[in-house]
């Protein structure tokens, strides 16, 4: 309670802040100190959130690229069976956006084209092409060319180690794409650490 002053008038009390004002006016807005404290808190929260958001975005780009790679292989398999011919999915490794996956009919079409050789030559049509986003590196462990027969089965050549695997990484995490002998495509990850 406020105590009475000489003359019987009482000091004014602001109900919101409990501050005394001798002139009877109410305080409106924020003081400079309060405003600076709020700006400081917002700055600290932003400094904490921005790196986490950047890492989350990079991980989402990696996951999307891995799923796109699975989709490319599944598409090649389905198209081989649908078109009753060999379809090849050729992987070009690299980082910083140069990694690429090209799906094409490996049917020897056009002059100089050789069927089922795993190389796009002649005028063999490209069915689909995917370029990796920046900062994602693609590497394969034992096979760079995935060929599917007209029945949708992967072509097994002599000397190839099965199951063939490829890794996609952003430097911190990686996903592994594995092609099974019957043609199924498996995605595993995310994994951390060295590939």
Foldseek 3Di string as FASTA:
>chain_A
DFDADPPGDTFDADPVPRDTDRVPDDDDDDDPVVVVVVVVVVVVVCVVVVVVVVVVVLVVLQVVVLVVVLVLLVVQLVVLQVVQAKKKWFWDWDAQFATKIWIWGQCQPAPPRDHPPQDDDGCTDTPDMDIRHHQKTKDWDFDRMWMAGNNSFTDDDPPTDPFIWMWIDNQFWIKIWTAHRRGRIDIDDRDGDDD
